[in-house]
Amino acid sequence: MIAVMHRSLYVFIFLLLVAALTQPCWAHAILMDSTPKANSVVKGPDFNVNLRFNVRIDTGRSRVRLVAPDGVVRKLILDAQPKLDTLQTHVSGLKPGAYKLAWQVLASDGHITSGEIPFTVN
């Protein structure tokens, strides 16, 4: 009986250690920095867009769209990836108004993350 309790205790301690030492895979892409910044005012009509994330991004399966003040959505062509955690593109011909950058990325953990960056062009 005591041997069974000791064995159960060892199994419990082993499982506890495994759980404590195992790091969960929470590597979803989180936007760390952007140009333009959320809720900022930018000088148009042309400017570069730069999105930096906390993990490596698959550019081929990621996208950035521009939502104009009238609701028209324009897909932006991504530039060659300067760093594994960064997406870059360029917008041109923007008229003054409130816009949104809608991004969707595939992170290195295989999960898709999306978000929006509202900004105003003056």
PDB file of N, CA and C in Angstrom:
ATOM      1  N   MET A   1       0.821  -1.185   0.000  1.00  0.00           N
ATOM      2  CA  MET A   1       0.000   0.000   0.000  1.00  0.00           C
ATOM      3  C   MET A   1       0.871   1.257   0.000  1.00  0.00           C
ATOM      4  N   ILE A   2       1.890   1.269   0.835  1.00  0.00           N
ATOM      5  CA  ILE A   2       2.791   2.423   0.902  1.00  0.00           C
ATOM      6  C   ILE A   2       3.556   2.553  -0.405  1.00  0.00           C
ATOM      7  N   ALA A   3       3.947   1.466  -1.016  1.00  0.00           N
ATOM      8  CA  ALA A   3       4.665   1.502  -2.287  1.00  0.00           C
ATOM      9  C   ALA A   3       3.795   2.109  -3.379  1.00  0.00           C
ATOM     10  N   VAL A   4       2.509   1.802  -3.379  1.00  0.00           N
ATOM     11  CA  VAL A   4       1.585   2.368  -4.367  1.00  0.00           C
ATOM     12  C   VAL A   4       1.446   3.869  -4.157  1.00  0.00           C
ATOM     13  N   MET A   5       1.365   4.303  -2.916  1.00  0.00           N
ATOM     14  CA  MET A   5       1.260   5.733  -2.626  1.00  0.00           C
ATOM     15  C   MET A   5       2.525   6.466  -3.044  1.00  0.00           C
ATOM     16  N   HIS A   6       3.686   5.855  -2.810  1.00  0.00           N
ATOM     17  CA  HIS A   6       4.950   6.475  -3.228  1.00  0.00           C
ATOM     18  C   HIS A   6       5.010   6.582  -4.749  1.00  0.00           C
ATOM     19  N   ARG A   7       4.589   5.525  -5.426  1.00  0.00           N
ATOM     20  CA  ARG A   7       4.607   5.521  -6.889  1.00  0.00           C
ATOM     21  C   ARG A   7       3.656   6.602  -7.412  1.00  0.00           C
ATOM     22  N   SER A   8       2.490   6.718  -6.820  1.00  0.00           N
ATOM     23  CA  SER A   8       1.519   7.746  -7.230  1.00  0.00           C
ATOM     24  C   SER A   8       2.075   9.142  -6.975  1.00  0.00           C
ATOM     25  N   LEU A   9       2.765   9.303  -5.877  1.00  0.00           N
ATOM     26  CA  LEU A   9       3.373  10.589  -5.569  1.00  0.00           C
ATOM     27  C   LEU A   9       4.452  10.934  -6.591  1.00  0.00           C
ATOM     28  N   TYR A  10       5.275   9.954  -6.965  1.00  0.00           N
ATOM     29  CA  TYR A  10       6.319  10.181  -7.967  1.00  0.00           C
ATOM     30  C   TYR A  10       5.701  10.541  -9.322  1.00  0.00           C
ATOM     31  N   VAL A  11       4.633   9.865  -9.697  1.00  0.00           N
ATOM     32  CA  VAL A  11       3.963  10.168 -10.964  1.00  0.00           C
ATOM     33  C   VAL A  11       3.388  11.578 -10.912  1.00  0.00           C
ATOM     34  N   PHE A  12       2.773  11.934  -9.799  1.00  0.00           N
ATOM     35  CA  PHE A  12       2.211  13.273  -9.643  1.00  0.00           C
ATOM     36  C   PHE A  12       3.298  14.340  -9.738  1.00  0.00           C
ATOM     37  N   ILE A  13       4.410  14.137  -9.060  1.00  0.00           N
ATOM     38  CA  ILE A  13       5.515  15.109  -9.103  1.00  0.00           C
ATOM     39  C   ILE A  13       6.080  15.205 -10.519  1.00  0.00           C
ATOM     40  N   PHE A  14       6.220  14.076 -11.191  1.00  0.00           N
ATOM     41  CA  PHE A  14       6.718  14.071 -12.558  1.00  0.00           C
ATOM     42  C   PHE A  14       5.786  14.871 -13.471  1.00  0.00           C
ATOM     43  N   LEU A  15       4.491  14.627 -13.384  1.00  0.00           N
ATOM     44  CA  LEU A  15       3.528  15.361 -14.213  1.00  0.00           C
ATOM     45  C   LEU A  15       3.519  16.851 -13.884  1.00  0.00           C
ATOM     46  N   LEU A  16       3.668  17.171 -12.629  1.00  0.00           N
ATOM     47  CA  LEU A  16       3.734  18.564 -12.211  1.00  0.00           C
ATOM     48  C   LEU A  16       4.966  19.261 -12.805  1.00  0.00           C
ATOM     49  N   LEU A  17       6.109  18.572 -12.770  1.00  0.00           N
ATOM     50  CA  LEU A  17       7.333  19.129 -13.359  1.00  0.00           C
ATOM     51  C   LEU A  17       7.203  19.300 -14.867  1.00  0.00           C
ATOM     52  N   VAL A  18       6.629  18.318 -15.524  1.00  0.00           N
ATOM     53  CA  VAL A  18       6.435  18.427 -16.973  1.00  0.00           C
ATOM     54  C   VAL A  18       5.551  19.628 -17.291  1.00  0.00           C
ATOM     55  N   ALA A  19       4.476  19.787 -16.547  1.00  0.00           N
ATOM     56  CA  ALA A  19       3.575  20.919 -16.776  1.00  0.00           C
ATOM     57  C   ALA A  19       4.274  22.252 -16.501  1.00  0.00           C
ATOM     58  N   ALA A  20       5.089  22.296 -15.482  1.00  0.00           N
ATOM     59  CA  ALA A  20       5.773  23.537 -15.118  1.00  0.00           C
ATOM     60  C   ALA A  20       6.864  23.905 -16.120  1.00  0.00           C
ATOM     61  N   LEU A  21       7.523  22.908 -16.674  1.00  0.00           N
ATOM     62  CA  LEU A  21       8.639  23.176 -17.581  1.00  0.00           C
ATOM     63  C   LEU A  21       8.214  23.333 -19.030  1.00  0.00           C
ATOM     64  N   THR A  22       6.997  22.966 -19.341  1.00  0.00           N
ATOM     65  CA  THR A  22       6.514  23.086 -20.705  1.00  0.00           C
ATOM     66  C   THR A  22       5.986  24.488 -20.920  1.00  0.00           C
ATOM     67  N   GLN A  23       6.546  25.164 -21.917  1.00  0.00           N
ATOM     68  CA  GLN A  23       6.083  26.512 -22.235  1.00  0.00           C
ATOM     69  C   GLN A  23       4.990  26.409 -23.279  1.00  0.00           C
ATOM     70  N   PRO A  24       3.852  26.984 -23.019  1.00  0.00           N
ATOM     71  CA  PRO A  24       2.778  26.930 -24.008  1.00  0.00           C
ATOM     72  C   PRO A  24       3.142  27.736 -25.247  1.00  0.00           C
ATOM     73  N   CYS A  25       2.583  27.355 -26.376  1.00  0.00           N
ATOM     74  CA  CYS A  25       2.842  28.043 -27.638  1.00  0.00           C
ATOM     75  C   CYS A  25       1.835  29.167 -27.817  1.00  0.00           C
ATOM     76  N   TRP A  26       2.114  30.307 -27.239  1.00  0.00           N
ATOM     77  CA  TRP A  26       1.251  31.470 -27.358  1.00  0.00           C
ATOM     78  C   TRP A  26       1.882  32.474 -28.309  1.00  0.00           C
ATOM     79  N   ALA A  27       2.425  32.027 -29.394  1.00  0.00           N
ATOM     80  CA  ALA A  27       3.187  32.901 -30.278  1.00  0.00           C
ATOM     81  C   ALA A  27       2.335  33.577 -31.344  1.00  0.00           C
ATOM     82  N   HIS A  28       1.059  33.815 -31.069  1.00  0.00           N
ATOM     83  CA  HIS A  28       0.251  34.535 -32.041  1.00  0.00           C
ATOM     84  C   HIS A  28       0.911  35.871 -32.342  1.00  0.00           C
ATOM     85  N   ALA A  29       0.747  36.311 -33.571  1.00  0.00           N
ATOM     86  CA  ALA A  29       1.365  37.568 -33.970  1.00  0.00           C
ATOM     87  C   ALA A  29       0.689  38.740 -33.267  1.00  0.00           C
ATOM     88  N   ILE A  30       1.481  39.549 -32.605  1.00  0.00           N
ATOM     89  CA  ILE A  30       1.018  40.760 -31.948  1.00  0.00           C
ATOM     90  C   ILE A  30       1.721  41.928 -32.620  1.00  0.00           C
ATOM     91  N   LEU A  31       0.952  42.910 -33.039  1.00  0.00           N
ATOM     92  CA  LEU A  31       1.531  44.092 -33.675  1.00  0.00           C
ATOM     93  C   LEU A  31       2.294  44.891 -32.622  1.00  0.00           C
ATOM     94  N   MET A  32       3.599  45.040 -32.816  1.00  0.00           N
ATOM     95  CA  MET A  32       4.450  45.740 -31.857  1.00  0.00           C
ATOM     96  C   MET A  32       4.630  47.217 -32.216  1.00  0.00           C
ATOM     97  N   ASP A  33       4.680  47.504 -33.509  1.00  0.00           N
ATOM     98  CA  ASP A  33       4.906  48.882 -33.945  1.00  0.00           C
ATOM     99  C   ASP A  33       4.348  49.042 -35.350  1.00  0.00           C
ATOM    100  N   SER A  34       3.900  50.237 -35.664  1.00  0.00           N
ATOM    101  CA  SER A  34       3.367  50.475 -37.004  1.00  0.00           C
ATOM    102  C   SER A  34       3.619  51.906 -37.439  1.00  0.00           C
ATOM    103  N   THR A  35       3.727  52.063 -38.738  1.00  0.00           N
ATOM    104  CA  THR A  35       3.734  53.368 -39.388  1.00  0.00           C
ATOM    105  C   THR A  35       2.705  53.270 -40.498  1.00  0.00           C
ATOM    106  N   PRO A  36       1.614  53.968 -40.378  1.00  0.00           N
ATOM    107  CA  PRO A  36       1.272  54.943 -39.356  1.00  0.00           C
ATOM    108  C   PRO A  36       0.862  54.276 -38.045  1.00  0.00           C
ATOM    109  N   LYS A  37       0.945  55.020 -36.982  1.00  0.00           N
ATOM    110  CA  LYS A  37       0.513  54.535 -35.675  1.00  0.00           C
ATOM    111  C   LYS A  37      -1.005  54.648 -35.575  1.00  0.00           C
ATOM    112  N   ALA A  38      -1.585  53.828 -34.714  1.00  0.00           N
ATOM    113  CA  ALA A  38      -3.033  53.857 -34.522  1.00  0.00           C
ATOM    114  C   ALA A  38      -3.485  55.251 -34.087  1.00  0.00           C
ATOM    115  N   ASN A  39      -4.540  55.724 -34.715  1.00  0.00           N
ATOM    116  CA  ASN A  39      -5.164  57.018 -34.417  1.00  0.00           C
ATOM    117  C   ASN A  39      -4.266  58.223 -34.673  1.00  0.00           C
ATOM    118  N   SER A  40      -3.257  58.052 -35.514  1.00  0.00           N
ATOM    119  CA  SER A  40      -2.359  59.168 -35.824  1.00  0.00           C
ATOM    120  C   SER A  40      -2.874  59.946 -37.028  1.00  0.00           C
ATOM    121  N   VAL A  41      -2.272  61.112 -37.236  1.00  0.00           N
ATOM    122  CA  VAL A  41      -2.555  61.930 -38.406  1.00  0.00           C
ATOM    123  C   VAL A  41      -1.296  61.926 -39.255  1.00  0.00           C
ATOM    124  N   VAL A  42      -1.441  61.556 -40.525  1.00  0.00           N
ATOM    125  CA  VAL A  42      -0.286  61.496 -41.421  1.00  0.00           C
ATOM    126  C   VAL A  42      -0.466  62.498 -42.551  1.00  0.00           C
ATOM    127  N   LYS A  43       0.648  62.933 -43.082  1.00  0.00           N
ATOM    128  CA  LYS A  43       0.633  63.866 -44.204  1.00  0.00           C
ATOM    129  C   LYS A  43       0.593  63.044 -45.485  1.00  0.00           C
ATOM    130  N   GLY A  44      -0.412  63.259 -46.284  1.00  0.00           N
ATOM    131  CA  GLY A  44      -0.557  62.529 -47.540  1.00  0.00           C
ATOM    132  C   GLY A  44      -0.036  63.342 -48.690  1.00  0.00           C
ATOM    133  N   PRO A  45      -0.255  62.929 -49.871  1.00  0.00           N
ATOM    134  CA  PRO A  45      -1.094  61.802 -50.237  1.00  0.00           C
ATOM    135  C   PRO A  45      -0.360  60.468 -50.293  1.00  0.00           C
ATOM    136  N   ASP A  46       0.976  60.472 -50.169  1.00  0.00           N
ATOM    137  CA  ASP A  46       1.763  59.238 -50.281  1.00  0.00           C
ATOM    138  C   ASP A  46       2.586  59.018 -49.020  1.00  0.00           C
ATOM    139  N   PHE A  47       2.703  57.762 -48.597  1.00  0.00           N
ATOM    140  CA  PHE A  47       3.582  57.436 -47.473  1.00  0.00           C
ATOM    141  C   PHE A  47       3.808  55.925 -47.424  1.00  0.00           C
ATOM    142  N   ASN A  48       4.853  55.537 -46.696  1.00  0.00           N
ATOM    143  CA  ASN A  48       5.183  54.126 -46.525  1.00  0.00           C
ATOM    144  C   ASN A  48       4.434  53.548 -45.330  1.00  0.00           C
ATOM    145  N   VAL A  49       4.102  52.282 -45.422  1.00  0.00           N
ATOM    146  CA  VAL A  49       3.448  51.549 -44.342  1.00  0.00           C
ATOM    147  C   VAL A  49       4.433  50.502 -43.850  1.00  0.00           C
ATOM    148  N   ASN A  50       4.624  50.433 -42.533  1.00  0.00           N
ATOM    149  CA  ASN A  50       5.537  49.475 -41.924  1.00  0.00           C
ATOM    150  C   ASN A  50       4.843  48.840 -40.722  1.00  0.00           C
ATOM    151  N   LEU A  51       4.731  47.520 -40.718  1.00  0.00           N
ATOM    152  CA  LEU A  51       4.110  46.789 -39.608  1.00  0.00           C
ATOM    153  C   LEU A  51       5.119  45.800 -39.042  1.00  0.00           C
ATOM    154  N   ARG A  52       5.422  45.935 -37.735  1.00  0.00           N
ATOM    155  CA  ARG A  52       6.390  45.033 -37.093  1.00  0.00           C
ATOM    156  C   ARG A  52       5.659  44.222 -36.024  1.00  0.00           C
ATOM    157  N   PHE A  53       5.881  42.907 -36.051  1.00  0.00           N
ATOM    158  CA  PHE A  53       5.206  41.987 -35.142  1.00  0.00           C
ATOM    159  C   PHE A  53       6.193  41.360 -34.168  1.00  0.00           C
ATOM    160  N   ASN A  54       5.666  40.632 -33.194  1.00  0.00           N
ATOM    161  CA  ASN A  54       6.511  40.013 -32.176  1.00  0.00           C
ATOM    162  C   ASN A  54       7.085  38.667 -32.614  1.00  0.00           C
ATOM    163  N   VAL A  55       6.644  38.143 -33.757  1.00  0.00           N
ATOM    164  CA  VAL A  55       7.124  36.856 -34.253  1.00  0.00           C
ATOM    165  C   VAL A  55       7.339  36.935 -35.758  1.00  0.00           C
ATOM    166  N   ARG A  56       7.926  35.883 -36.289  1.00  0.00           N
ATOM    167  CA  ARG A  56       8.162  35.774 -37.735  1.00  0.00           C
ATOM    168  C   ARG A  56       6.815  35.681 -38.453  1.00  0.00           C
ATOM    169  N   ILE A  57       6.700  36.375 -39.580  1.00  0.00           N
ATOM    170  CA  ILE A  57       5.475  36.452 -40.359  1.00  0.00           C
ATOM    171  C   ILE A  57       5.707  35.826 -41.727  1.00  0.00           C
ATOM    172  N   ASP A  58       4.725  35.062 -42.207  1.00  0.00           N
ATOM    173  CA  ASP A  58       4.765  34.499 -43.557  1.00  0.00           C
ATOM    174  C   ASP A  58       4.166  35.524 -44.514  1.00  0.00           C
ATOM    175  N   THR A  59       5.013  36.230 -45.237  1.00  0.00           N
ATOM    176  CA  THR A  59       4.558  37.294 -46.132  1.00  0.00           C
ATOM    177  C   THR A  59       3.644  36.762 -47.227  1.00  0.00           C
ATOM    178  N   GLY A  60       3.943  35.584 -47.738  1.00  0.00           N
ATOM    179  CA  GLY A  60       3.150  35.024 -48.824  1.00  0.00           C
ATOM    180  C   GLY A  60       1.709  34.748 -48.453  1.00  0.00           C
ATOM    181  N   ARG A  61       1.440  34.558 -47.178  1.00  0.00           N
ATOM    182  CA  ARG A  61       0.083  34.260 -46.730  1.00  0.00           C
ATOM    183  C   ARG A  61      -0.496  35.372 -45.857  1.00  0.00           C
ATOM    184  N   SER A  62       0.118  36.534 -45.927  1.00  0.00           N
ATOM    185  CA  SER A  62      -0.348  37.679 -45.151  1.00  0.00           C
ATOM    186  C   SER A  62      -0.846  38.746 -46.112  1.00  0.00           C
ATOM    187  N   ARG A  63      -1.704  39.625 -45.598  1.00  0.00           N
ATOM    188  CA  ARG A  63      -2.232  40.682 -46.461  1.00  0.00           C
ATOM    189  C   ARG A  63      -2.493  41.951 -45.666  1.00  0.00           C
ATOM    190  N   VAL A  64      -2.450  43.059 -46.402  1.00  0.00           N
ATOM    191  CA  VAL A  64      -2.779  44.367 -45.831  1.00  0.00           C
ATOM    192  C   VAL A  64      -3.727  45.037 -46.819  1.00  0.00           C
ATOM    193  N   ARG A  65      -4.815  45.580 -46.271  1.00  0.00           N
ATOM    194  CA  ARG A  65      -5.799  46.275 -47.098  1.00  0.00           C
ATOM    195  C   ARG A  65      -6.010  47.678 -46.543  1.00  0.00           C
ATOM    196  N   LEU A  66      -6.318  48.588 -47.444  1.00  0.00           N
ATOM    197  CA  LEU A  66      -6.612  49.969 -47.075  1.00  0.00           C
ATOM    198  C   LEU A  66      -8.108  50.190 -47.222  1.00  0.00           C
ATOM    199  N   VAL A  67      -8.741  50.637 -46.151  1.00  0.00           N
ATOM    200  CA  VAL A  67     -10.168  50.950 -46.176  1.00  0.00           C
ATOM    201  C   VAL A  67     -10.290  52.467 -46.213  1.00  0.00           C
ATOM    202  N   ALA A  68     -10.849  52.967 -47.304  1.00  0.00           N
ATOM    203  CA  ALA A  68     -10.982  54.412 -47.516  1.00  0.00           C
ATOM    204  C   ALA A  68     -12.177  54.968 -46.734  1.00  0.00           C
ATOM    205  N   PRO A  69     -12.258  56.308 -46.609  1.00  0.00           N
ATOM    206  CA  PRO A  69     -13.377  56.918 -45.884  1.00  0.00           C
ATOM    207  C   PRO A  69     -14.747  56.532 -46.444  1.00  0.00           C
ATOM    208  N   ASP A  70     -14.827  56.261 -47.746  1.00  0.00           N
ATOM    209  CA  ASP A  70     -16.106  55.885 -48.349  1.00  0.00           C
ATOM    210  C   ASP A  70     -16.380  54.387 -48.275  1.00  0.00           C
ATOM    211  N   GLY A  71     -15.498  53.635 -47.592  1.00  0.00           N
ATOM    212  CA  GLY A  71     -15.688  52.198 -47.420  1.00  0.00           C
ATOM    213  C   GLY A  71     -15.066  51.327 -48.500  1.00  0.00           C
ATOM    214  N   VAL A  72     -14.504  51.932 -49.533  1.00  0.00           N
ATOM    215  CA  VAL A  72     -13.859  51.168 -50.597  1.00  0.00           C
ATOM    216  C   VAL A  72     -12.584  50.523 -50.042  1.00  0.00           C
ATOM    217  N   VAL A  73     -12.417  49.236 -50.321  1.00  0.00           N
ATOM    218  CA  VAL A  73     -11.259  48.487 -49.820  1.00  0.00           C
ATOM    219  C   VAL A  73     -10.295  48.249 -50.977  1.00  0.00           C
ATOM    220  N   ARG A  74      -9.020  48.557 -50.708  1.00  0.00           N
ATOM    221  CA  ARG A  74      -7.971  48.369 -51.714  1.00  0.00           C
ATOM    222  C   ARG A  74      -6.895  47.451 -51.144  1.00  0.00           C
ATOM    223  N   LYS A  75      -6.613  46.353 -51.855  1.00  0.00           N
ATOM    224  CA  LYS A  75      -5.547  45.442 -51.436  1.00  0.00           C
ATOM    225  C   LYS A  75      -4.208  46.101 -51.735  1.00  0.00           C
ATOM    226  N   LEU A  76      -3.318  46.105 -50.740  1.00  0.00           N
ATOM    227  CA  LEU A  76      -1.990  46.699 -50.915  1.00  0.00           C
ATOM    228  C   LEU A  76      -0.985  45.603 -51.239  1.00  0.00           C
ATOM    229  N   ILE A  77      -0.103  45.895 -52.155  1.00  0.00           N
ATOM    230  CA  ILE A  77       0.941  44.951 -52.559  1.00  0.00           C
ATOM    231  C   ILE A  77       2.097  45.074 -51.568  1.00  0.00           C
ATOM    232  N   LEU A  78       2.479  43.946 -50.972  1.00  0.00           N
ATOM    233  CA  LEU A  78       3.566  43.952 -49.991  1.00  0.00           C
ATOM    234  C   LEU A  78       4.910  43.993 -50.686  1.00  0.00           C
ATOM    235  N   ASP A  79       5.823  44.783 -50.131  1.00  0.00           N
ATOM    236  CA  ASP A  79       7.195  44.847 -50.624  1.00  0.00           C
ATOM    237  C   ASP A  79       7.934  43.587 -50.189  1.00  0.00           C
ATOM    238  N   ALA A  80       9.145  43.421 -50.688  1.00  0.00           N
ATOM    239  CA  ALA A  80      10.000  42.330 -50.215  1.00  0.00           C
ATOM    240  C   ALA A  80      10.183  42.496 -48.708  1.00  0.00           C
ATOM    241  N   GLN A  81      10.132  41.408 -48.001  1.00  0.00           N
ATOM    242  CA  GLN A  81      10.173  41.448 -46.540  1.00  0.00           C
ATOM    243  C   GLN A  81      11.569  41.825 -46.053  1.00  0.00           C
ATOM    244  N   PRO A  82      11.720  43.021 -45.397  1.00  0.00           N
ATOM    245  CA  PRO A  82      13.035  43.463 -44.946  1.00  0.00           C
ATOM    246  C   PRO A  82      13.556  42.653 -43.756  1.00  0.00           C
ATOM    247  N   LYS A  83      12.641  42.237 -42.875  1.00  0.00           N
ATOM    248  CA  LYS A  83      12.973  41.415 -41.712  1.00  0.00           C
ATOM    249  C   LYS A  83      11.873  40.378 -41.573  1.00  0.00           C
ATOM    250  N   LEU A  84      12.154  39.283 -40.911  1.00  0.00           N
ATOM    251  CA  LEU A  84      11.193  38.195 -40.803  1.00  0.00           C
ATOM    252  C   LEU A  84       9.952  38.550 -39.994  1.00  0.00           C
ATOM    253  N   ASP A  85      10.014  39.630 -39.208  1.00  0.00           N
ATOM    254  CA  ASP A  85       8.866  40.031 -38.384  1.00  0.00           C
ATOM    255  C   ASP A  85       8.174  41.290 -38.900  1.00  0.00           C
ATOM    256  N   THR A  86       8.475  41.697 -40.140  1.00  0.00           N
ATOM    257  CA  THR A  86       8.023  42.985 -40.641  1.00  0.00           C
ATOM    258  C   THR A  86       7.350  42.867 -42.011  1.00  0.00           C
ATOM    259  N   LEU A  87       6.277  43.652 -42.189  1.00  0.00           N
ATOM    260  CA  LEU A  87       5.635  43.807 -43.488  1.00  0.00           C
ATOM    261  C   LEU A  87       5.734  45.266 -43.884  1.00  0.00           C
ATOM    262  N   GLN A  88       5.993  45.501 -45.179  1.00  0.00           N
ATOM    263  CA  GLN A  88       6.076  46.869 -45.686  1.00  0.00           C
ATOM    264  C   GLN A  88       5.297  46.988 -46.978  1.00  0.00           C
ATOM    265  N   THR A  89       4.707  48.165 -47.177  1.00  0.00           N
ATOM    266  CA  THR A  89       4.031  48.494 -48.420  1.00  0.00           C
ATOM    267  C   THR A  89       4.016  50.012 -48.559  1.00  0.00           C
ATOM    268  N   HIS A  90       3.405  50.502 -49.607  1.00  0.00           N
ATOM    269  CA  HIS A  90       3.356  51.943 -49.867  1.00  0.00           C
ATOM    270  C   HIS A  90       1.953  52.293 -50.340  1.00  0.00           C
ATOM    271  N   VAL A  91       1.442  53.417 -49.876  1.00  0.00           N
ATOM    272  CA  VAL A  91       0.153  53.910 -50.361  1.00  0.00           C
ATOM    273  C   VAL A  91       0.368  55.254 -51.040  1.00  0.00           C
ATOM    274  N   SER A  92      -0.457  55.508 -52.036  1.00  0.00           N
ATOM    275  CA  SER A  92      -0.317  56.774 -52.753  1.00  0.00           C
ATOM    276  C   SER A  92      -1.688  57.277 -53.190  1.00  0.00           C
ATOM    277  N   GLY A  93      -1.739  58.570 -53.426  1.00  0.00           N
ATOM    278  CA  GLY A  93      -2.945  59.192 -53.934  1.00  0.00           C
ATOM    279  C   GLY A  93      -4.090  59.299 -52.947  1.00  0.00           C
ATOM    280  N   LEU A  94      -3.784  59.345 -51.648  1.00  0.00           N
ATOM    281  CA  LEU A  94      -4.849  59.419 -50.653  1.00  0.00           C
ATOM    282  C   LEU A  94      -5.327  60.847 -50.476  1.00  0.00           C
ATOM    283  N   LYS A  95      -6.632  60.987 -50.418  1.00  0.00           N
ATOM    284  CA  LYS A  95      -7.254  62.283 -50.153  1.00  0.00           C
ATOM    285  C   LYS A  95      -7.442  62.422 -48.648  1.00  0.00           C
ATOM    286  N   PRO A  96      -7.586  63.635 -48.145  1.00  0.00           N
ATOM    287  CA  PRO A  96      -7.820  63.812 -46.710  1.00  0.00           C
ATOM    288  C   PRO A  96      -9.047  63.031 -46.239  1.00  0.00           C
ATOM    289  N   GLY A  97      -8.928  62.463 -45.036  1.00  0.00           N
ATOM    290  CA  GLY A  97     -10.039  61.710 -44.469  1.00  0.00           C
ATOM    291  C   GLY A  97      -9.566  60.645 -43.511  1.00  0.00           C
ATOM    292  N   ALA A  98     -10.524  59.889 -42.976  1.00  0.00           N
ATOM    293  CA  ALA A  98     -10.249  58.816 -42.006  1.00  0.00           C
ATOM    294  C   ALA A  98     -10.142  57.479 -42.739  1.00  0.00           C
ATOM    295  N   TYR A  99      -9.017  56.798 -42.543  1.00  0.00           N
ATOM    296  CA  TYR A  99      -8.732  55.517 -43.194  1.00  0.00           C
ATOM    297  C   TYR A  99      -8.481  54.446 -42.140  1.00  0.00           C
ATOM    298  N   LYS A 100      -8.415  53.204 -42.617  1.00  0.00           N
ATOM    299  CA  LYS A 100      -8.005  52.080 -41.775  1.00  0.00           C
ATOM    300  C   LYS A 100      -7.101  51.176 -42.580  1.00  0.00           C
ATOM    301  N   LEU A 101      -6.052  50.682 -41.934  1.00  0.00           N
ATOM    302  CA  LEU A 101      -5.259  49.590 -42.489  1.00  0.00           C
ATOM    303  C   LEU A 101      -5.772  48.316 -41.828  1.00  0.00           C
ATOM    304  N   ALA A 102      -6.251  47.394 -42.620  1.00  0.00           N
ATOM    305  CA  ALA A 102      -6.723  46.110 -42.106  1.00  0.00           C
ATOM    306  C   ALA A 102      -5.669  45.069 -42.461  1.00  0.00           C
ATOM    307  N   TRP A 103      -5.057  44.461 -41.442  1.00  0.00           N
ATOM    308  CA  TRP A 103      -3.992  43.490 -41.693  1.00  0.00           C
ATOM    309  C   TRP A 103      -4.423  42.102 -41.226  1.00  0.00           C
ATOM    310  N   GLN A 104      -3.885  41.105 -41.922  1.00  0.00           N
ATOM    311  CA  GLN A 104      -4.085  39.706 -41.547  1.00  0.00           C
ATOM    312  C   GLN A 104      -2.774  38.999 -41.831  1.00  0.00           C
ATOM    313  N   VAL A 105      -2.215  38.358 -40.815  1.00  0.00           N
ATOM    314  CA  VAL A 105      -0.916  37.714 -40.973  1.00  0.00           C
ATOM    315  C   VAL A 105      -0.962  36.263 -40.510  1.00  0.00           C
ATOM    316  N   LEU A 106      -0.097  35.473 -41.124  1.00  0.00           N
ATOM    317  CA  LEU A 106       0.123  34.104 -40.682  1.00  0.00           C
ATOM    318  C   LEU A 106       1.422  34.100 -39.900  1.00  0.00           C
ATOM    319  N   ALA A 107       1.330  33.773 -38.613  1.00  0.00           N
ATOM    320  CA  ALA A 107       2.498  33.791 -37.731  1.00  0.00           C
ATOM    321  C   ALA A 107       3.254  32.478 -37.823  1.00  0.00           C
ATOM    322  N   SER A 108       4.443  32.467 -37.253  1.00  0.00           N
ATOM    323  CA  SER A 108       5.308  31.290 -37.279  1.00  0.00           C
ATOM    324  C   SER A 108       4.713  30.105 -36.544  1.00  0.00           C
ATOM    325  N   ASP A 109       3.726  30.341 -35.668  1.00  0.00           N
ATOM    326  CA  ASP A 109       3.086  29.230 -34.962  1.00  0.00           C
ATOM    327  C   ASP A 109       1.944  28.626 -35.765  1.00  0.00           C
ATOM    328  N   GLY A 110       1.683  29.171 -36.970  1.00  0.00           N
ATOM    329  CA  GLY A 110       0.639  28.641 -37.825  1.00  0.00           C
ATOM    330  C   GLY A 110      -0.724  29.266 -37.617  1.00  0.00           C
ATOM    331  N   HIS A 111      -0.835  30.223 -36.729  1.00  0.00           N
ATOM    332  CA  HIS A 111      -2.117  30.875 -36.458  1.00  0.00           C
ATOM    333  C   HIS A 111      -2.241  32.176 -37.243  1.00  0.00           C
ATOM    334  N   ILE A 112      -3.450  32.451 -37.682  1.00  0.00           N
ATOM    335  CA  ILE A 112      -3.741  33.694 -38.389  1.00  0.00           C
ATOM    336  C   ILE A 112      -4.251  34.714 -37.376  1.00  0.00           C
ATOM    337  N   THR A 113      -3.699  35.912 -37.452  1.00  0.00           N
ATOM    338  CA  THR A 113      -4.093  37.007 -36.577  1.00  0.00           C
ATOM    339  C   THR A 113      -4.456  38.191 -37.465  1.00  0.00           C
ATOM    340  N   SER A 114      -5.414  38.995 -37.027  1.00  0.00           N
ATOM    341  CA  SER A 114      -5.791  40.161 -37.813  1.00  0.00           C
ATOM    342  C   SER A 114      -6.038  41.350 -36.898  1.00  0.00           C
ATOM    343  N   GLY A 115      -6.051  42.525 -37.511  1.00  0.00           N
ATOM    344  CA  GLY A 115      -6.307  43.734 -36.753  1.00  0.00           C
ATOM    345  C   GLY A 115      -6.480  44.915 -37.678  1.00  0.00           C
ATOM    346  N   GLU A 116      -6.774  46.056 -37.092  1.00  0.00           N
ATOM    347  CA  GLU A 116      -6.957  47.287 -37.853  1.00  0.00           C
ATOM    348  C   GLU A 116      -6.190  48.430 -37.210  1.00  0.00           C
ATOM    349  N   ILE A 117      -5.737  49.327 -38.059  1.00  0.00           N
ATOM    350  CA  ILE A 117      -5.043  50.534 -37.593  1.00  0.00           C
ATOM    351  C   ILE A 117      -5.768  51.728 -38.189  1.00  0.00           C
ATOM    352  N   PRO A 118      -6.574  52.421 -37.381  1.00  0.00           N
ATOM    353  CA  PRO A 118      -7.234  53.629 -37.888  1.00  0.00           C
ATOM    354  C   PRO A 118      -6.261  54.801 -37.905  1.00  0.00           C
ATOM    355  N   PHE A 119      -6.353  55.630 -38.934  1.00  0.00           N
ATOM    356  CA  PHE A 119      -5.516  56.830 -39.018  1.00  0.00           C
ATOM    357  C   PHE A 119      -6.216  57.846 -39.906  1.00  0.00           C
ATOM    358  N   THR A 120      -5.721  59.069 -39.865  1.00  0.00           N
ATOM    359  CA  THR A 120      -6.311  60.149 -40.649  1.00  0.00           C
ATOM    360  C   THR A 120      -5.245  60.749 -41.544  1.00  0.00           C
ATOM    361  N   VAL A 121      -5.628  61.042 -42.784  1.00  0.00           N
ATOM    362  CA  VAL A 121      -4.741  61.737 -43.714  1.00  0.00           C
ATOM    363  C   VAL A 121      -5.198  63.184 -43.773  1.00  0.00           C
ATOM    364  N   ASN A 122      -4.216  64.115 -43.645  1.00  0.00           N
ATOM    365  CA  ASN A 122      -4.597  65.532 -43.736  1.00  0.00           C
ATOM    366  C   ASN A 122      -4.173  66.116 -45.052  1.00  0.00           C
TER     367      ASN A 122
END
